[in-house]
Amino acid sequence: QVQVVESGGGLVQSEGSLNLSCTASPSTRSIGAMAWYREIPGQRRELISTITNNVSPQYHDSVKGRFTLSREDVGNTVHLQMTRLKPEDTATYFCTAWYMGRNDWGQGTQVTVSS
């Protein structure tokens, strides 16, 4: 089991930028993939980006070219750089990390984009 903690959400105007971070601990765990999902009330949680060691990040079509996911070389921290944000990006963003065949979730961080 790992603990997953997200940070960096907030309120931003349309076309603005935000950076989200996610850390899975303890750092001694050999984490496999990490991913970001987002959820709008009343809708299914949506996968927006994943990253795995030695594999290029994958993105949902709706965020390609605007979001960039990266992973630090040491430890289990990923960063989601979000640019050209749109009101439809407003959601709670959740990070998840896979370890030993299961994934654990963070509490989520709210991103609100005003028009």
C-alpha atoms as a PDB file:
ATOM      1  CA  GLN A   1       0.000   0.000   0.000  1.00  0.00           C
ATOM      2  CA  VAL A   2       1.133   3.542  -0.712  1.00  0.00           C
ATOM      3  CA  GLN A   3      -0.084   6.956   0.321  1.00  0.00           C
ATOM      4  CA  VAL A   4      -0.846   9.329  -2.500  1.00  0.00           C
ATOM      5  CA  VAL A   5      -0.968  13.085  -1.995  1.00  0.00           C
ATOM      6  CA  GLU A   6      -1.877  15.678  -4.621  1.00  0.00           C
ATOM      7  CA  SER A   7      -1.227  19.405  -4.528  1.00  0.00           C
ATOM      8  CA  GLY A   8      -1.441  22.457  -6.723  1.00  0.00           C
ATOM      9  CA  GLY A   9      -5.100  22.904  -7.564  1.00  0.00           C
ATOM     10  CA  GLY A  10      -6.835  26.246  -7.507  1.00  0.00           C
ATOM     11  CA  LEU A  11      -8.777  28.853  -9.435  1.00  0.00           C
ATOM     12  CA  VAL A  12      -7.487  30.169 -12.747  1.00  0.00           C
ATOM     13  CA  GLN A  13      -8.899  32.138 -15.632  1.00  0.00           C
ATOM     14  CA  SER A  14      -9.510  30.618 -19.028  1.00  0.00           C
ATOM     15  CA  GLU A  15      -6.268  30.201 -21.031  1.00  0.00           C
ATOM     16  CA  GLY A  16      -4.292  30.223 -17.788  1.00  0.00           C
ATOM     17  CA  SER A  17      -1.957  27.568 -16.396  1.00  0.00           C
ATOM     18  CA  LEU A  18      -1.689  25.410 -13.293  1.00  0.00           C
ATOM     19  CA  ASN A  19       0.771  22.781 -12.150  1.00  0.00           C
ATOM     20  CA  LEU A  20      -0.373  19.771 -10.164  1.00  0.00           C
ATOM     21  CA  SER A  21       1.989  17.520  -8.245  1.00  0.00           C
ATOM     22  CA  CYS A  22       1.499  14.056  -6.864  1.00  0.00           C
ATOM     23  CA  THR A  23       3.732  12.050  -4.545  1.00  0.00           C
ATOM     24  CA  ALA A  24       3.364   8.405  -3.619  1.00  0.00           C
ATOM     25  CA  SER A  25       5.048   7.409  -0.377  1.00  0.00           C
ATOM     26  CA  PRO A  26       7.064   5.900   1.049  1.00  0.00           C
ATOM     27  CA  SER A  27       9.637   6.719  -1.598  1.00  0.00           C
ATOM     28  CA  THR A  28      11.217   3.322  -1.096  1.00  0.00           C
ATOM     29  CA  ARG A  29       8.251   1.688  -2.809  1.00  0.00           C
ATOM     30  CA  SER A  30       8.933   0.672  -6.390  1.00  0.00           C
ATOM     31  CA  ILE A  31       5.949   2.325  -7.984  1.00  0.00           C
ATOM     32  CA  GLY A  32       4.910   1.244 -11.458  1.00  0.00           C
ATOM     33  CA  ALA A  33       2.575   3.541 -13.314  1.00  0.00           C
ATOM     34  CA  MET A  34       1.155   6.775 -12.017  1.00  0.00           C
ATOM     35  CA  ALA A  35      -1.804   8.559 -13.512  1.00  0.00           C
ATOM     36  CA  TRP A  36      -4.107  11.528 -13.254  1.00  0.00           C
ATOM     37  CA  TYR A  37      -7.878  11.280 -13.488  1.00  0.00           C
ATOM     38  CA  ARG A  38     -10.503  13.963 -13.180  1.00  0.00           C
ATOM     39  CA  GLU A  39     -14.070  13.861 -12.039  1.00  0.00           C
ATOM     40  CA  ILE A  40     -16.986  16.185 -12.564  1.00  0.00           C
ATOM     41  CA  PRO A  41     -19.956  15.681 -10.212  1.00  0.00           C
ATOM     42  CA  GLY A  42     -22.443  13.285 -11.763  1.00  0.00           C
ATOM     43  CA  GLN A  43     -19.963  11.946 -14.313  1.00  0.00           C
ATOM     44  CA  ARG A  44     -17.539   9.049 -14.426  1.00  0.00           C
ATOM     45  CA  ARG A  45     -13.964   9.570 -13.359  1.00  0.00           C
ATOM     46  CA  GLU A  46     -11.982  10.156 -16.535  1.00  0.00           C
ATOM     47  CA  LEU A  47      -8.398   9.106 -17.206  1.00  0.00           C
ATOM     48  CA  ILE A  48      -6.452  12.044 -18.581  1.00  0.00           C
ATOM     49  CA  SER A  49      -2.794  11.026 -18.434  1.00  0.00           C
ATOM     50  CA  THR A  50      -0.554   8.134 -17.440  1.00  0.00           C
ATOM     51  CA  ILE A  51       3.174   7.691 -17.086  1.00  0.00           C
ATOM     52  CA  THR A  52       5.210   4.531 -16.652  1.00  0.00           C
ATOM     53  CA  ASN A  53       8.947   4.074 -16.315  1.00  0.00           C
ATOM     54  CA  ASN A  54      10.653   4.160 -19.704  1.00  0.00           C
ATOM     55  CA  VAL A  55       7.408   4.842 -21.551  1.00  0.00           C
ATOM     56  CA  SER A  56       6.290   8.188 -22.933  1.00  0.00           C
ATOM     57  CA  PRO A  57       3.275   9.689 -21.180  1.00  0.00           C
ATOM     58  CA  GLN A  58      -0.140   9.021 -22.656  1.00  0.00           C
ATOM     59  CA  TYR A  59      -2.912  11.613 -22.817  1.00  0.00           C
ATOM     60  CA  HIS A  60      -6.631  11.797 -23.319  1.00  0.00           C
ATOM     61  CA  ASP A  61      -7.469  13.523 -26.582  1.00  0.00           C
ATOM     62  CA  SER A  62      -9.091  16.420 -24.752  1.00  0.00           C
ATOM     63  CA  VAL A  63      -5.808  17.466 -23.127  1.00  0.00           C
ATOM     64  CA  LYS A  64      -3.227  16.569 -25.778  1.00  0.00           C
ATOM     65  CA  GLY A  65      -1.033  19.510 -26.614  1.00  0.00           C
ATOM     66  CA  ARG A  66      -2.112  21.384 -23.477  1.00  0.00           C
ATOM     67  CA  PHE A  67      -1.122  19.110 -20.581  1.00  0.00           C
ATOM     68  CA  THR A  68       2.316  17.644 -19.939  1.00  0.00           C
ATOM     69  CA  LEU A  69       2.986  14.864 -17.446  1.00  0.00           C
ATOM     70  CA  SER A  70       6.485  14.276 -16.134  1.00  0.00           C
ATOM     71  CA  ARG A  71       8.048  12.127 -13.457  1.00  0.00           C
ATOM     72  CA  GLU A  72      11.014  12.962 -11.278  1.00  0.00           C
ATOM     73  CA  ASP A  73      14.048  10.737 -11.709  1.00  0.00           C
ATOM     74  CA  VAL A  74      14.228   9.951  -8.003  1.00  0.00           C
ATOM     75  CA  GLY A  75      11.286   9.161  -5.781  1.00  0.00           C
ATOM     76  CA  ASN A  76       7.665   8.773  -6.750  1.00  0.00           C
ATOM     77  CA  THR A  77       6.579  12.253  -7.748  1.00  0.00           C
ATOM     78  CA  VAL A  78       4.855  13.315 -10.928  1.00  0.00           C
ATOM     79  CA  HIS A  79       3.952  16.760 -12.168  1.00  0.00           C
ATOM     80  CA  LEU A  80       1.050  17.641 -14.437  1.00  0.00           C
ATOM     81  CA  GLN A  81       1.637  20.934 -16.180  1.00  0.00           C
ATOM     82  CA  MET A  82      -1.680  22.261 -17.475  1.00  0.00           C
ATOM     83  CA  THR A  83      -1.721  25.115 -19.965  1.00  0.00           C
ATOM     84  CA  ARG A  84      -4.404  26.854 -22.031  1.00  0.00           C
ATOM     85  CA  LEU A  85      -6.976  25.765 -19.507  1.00  0.00           C
ATOM     86  CA  LYS A  86     -10.624  25.832 -20.475  1.00  0.00           C
ATOM     87  CA  PRO A  87     -13.761  26.043 -18.333  1.00  0.00           C
ATOM     88  CA  GLU A  88     -14.505  22.433 -19.263  1.00  0.00           C
ATOM     89  CA  ASP A  89     -11.290  21.415 -17.494  1.00  0.00           C
ATOM     90  CA  THR A  90     -12.983  22.310 -14.211  1.00  0.00           C
ATOM     91  CA  ALA A  91     -13.031  19.168 -12.101  1.00  0.00           C
ATOM     92  CA  THR A  92     -11.526  17.421  -9.115  1.00  0.00           C
ATOM     93  CA  TYR A  93      -8.225  15.916 -10.183  1.00  0.00           C
ATOM     94  CA  PHE A  94      -7.128  12.636  -8.641  1.00  0.00           C
ATOM     95  CA  CYS A  95      -3.748  10.969  -8.751  1.00  0.00           C
ATOM     96  CA  THR A  96      -3.281   7.229  -8.510  1.00  0.00           C
ATOM     97  CA  ALA A  97      -0.208   5.027  -8.191  1.00  0.00           C
ATOM     98  CA  TRP A  98       0.229   1.323  -8.848  1.00  0.00           C
ATOM     99  CA  TYR A  99       2.225  -0.870  -6.501  1.00  0.00           C
ATOM    100  CA  MET A 100       2.243  -4.667  -6.240  1.00  0.00           C
ATOM    101  CA  GLY A 101      -0.791  -5.107  -8.466  1.00  0.00           C
ATOM    102  CA  ARG A 102      -3.087  -2.563  -6.846  1.00  0.00           C
ATOM    103  CA  ASN A 103      -3.535   1.158  -7.107  1.00  0.00           C
ATOM    104  CA  ASP A 104      -4.129   3.687  -4.369  1.00  0.00           C
ATOM    105  CA  TRP A 105      -5.768   7.079  -4.741  1.00  0.00           C
ATOM    106  CA  GLY A 106      -5.163  10.506  -3.372  1.00  0.00           C
ATOM    107  CA  GLN A 107      -7.867  12.718  -1.914  1.00  0.00           C
ATOM    108  CA  GLY A 108      -8.077  14.877  -5.017  1.00  0.00           C
ATOM    109  CA  THR A 109      -7.428  18.527  -5.706  1.00  0.00           C
ATOM    110  CA  GLN A 110      -9.928  20.964  -7.161  1.00  0.00           C
ATOM    111  CA  VAL A 111      -9.218  22.826 -10.377  1.00  0.00           C
ATOM    112  CA  THR A 112     -11.627  25.579 -11.346  1.00  0.00           C
ATOM    113  CA  VAL A 113     -11.305  27.479 -14.614  1.00  0.00           C
ATOM    114  CA  SER A 114     -13.366  30.628 -14.945  1.00  0.00           C
ATOM    115  CA  SER A 115     -14.498  31.928 -18.312  1.00  0.00           C
END
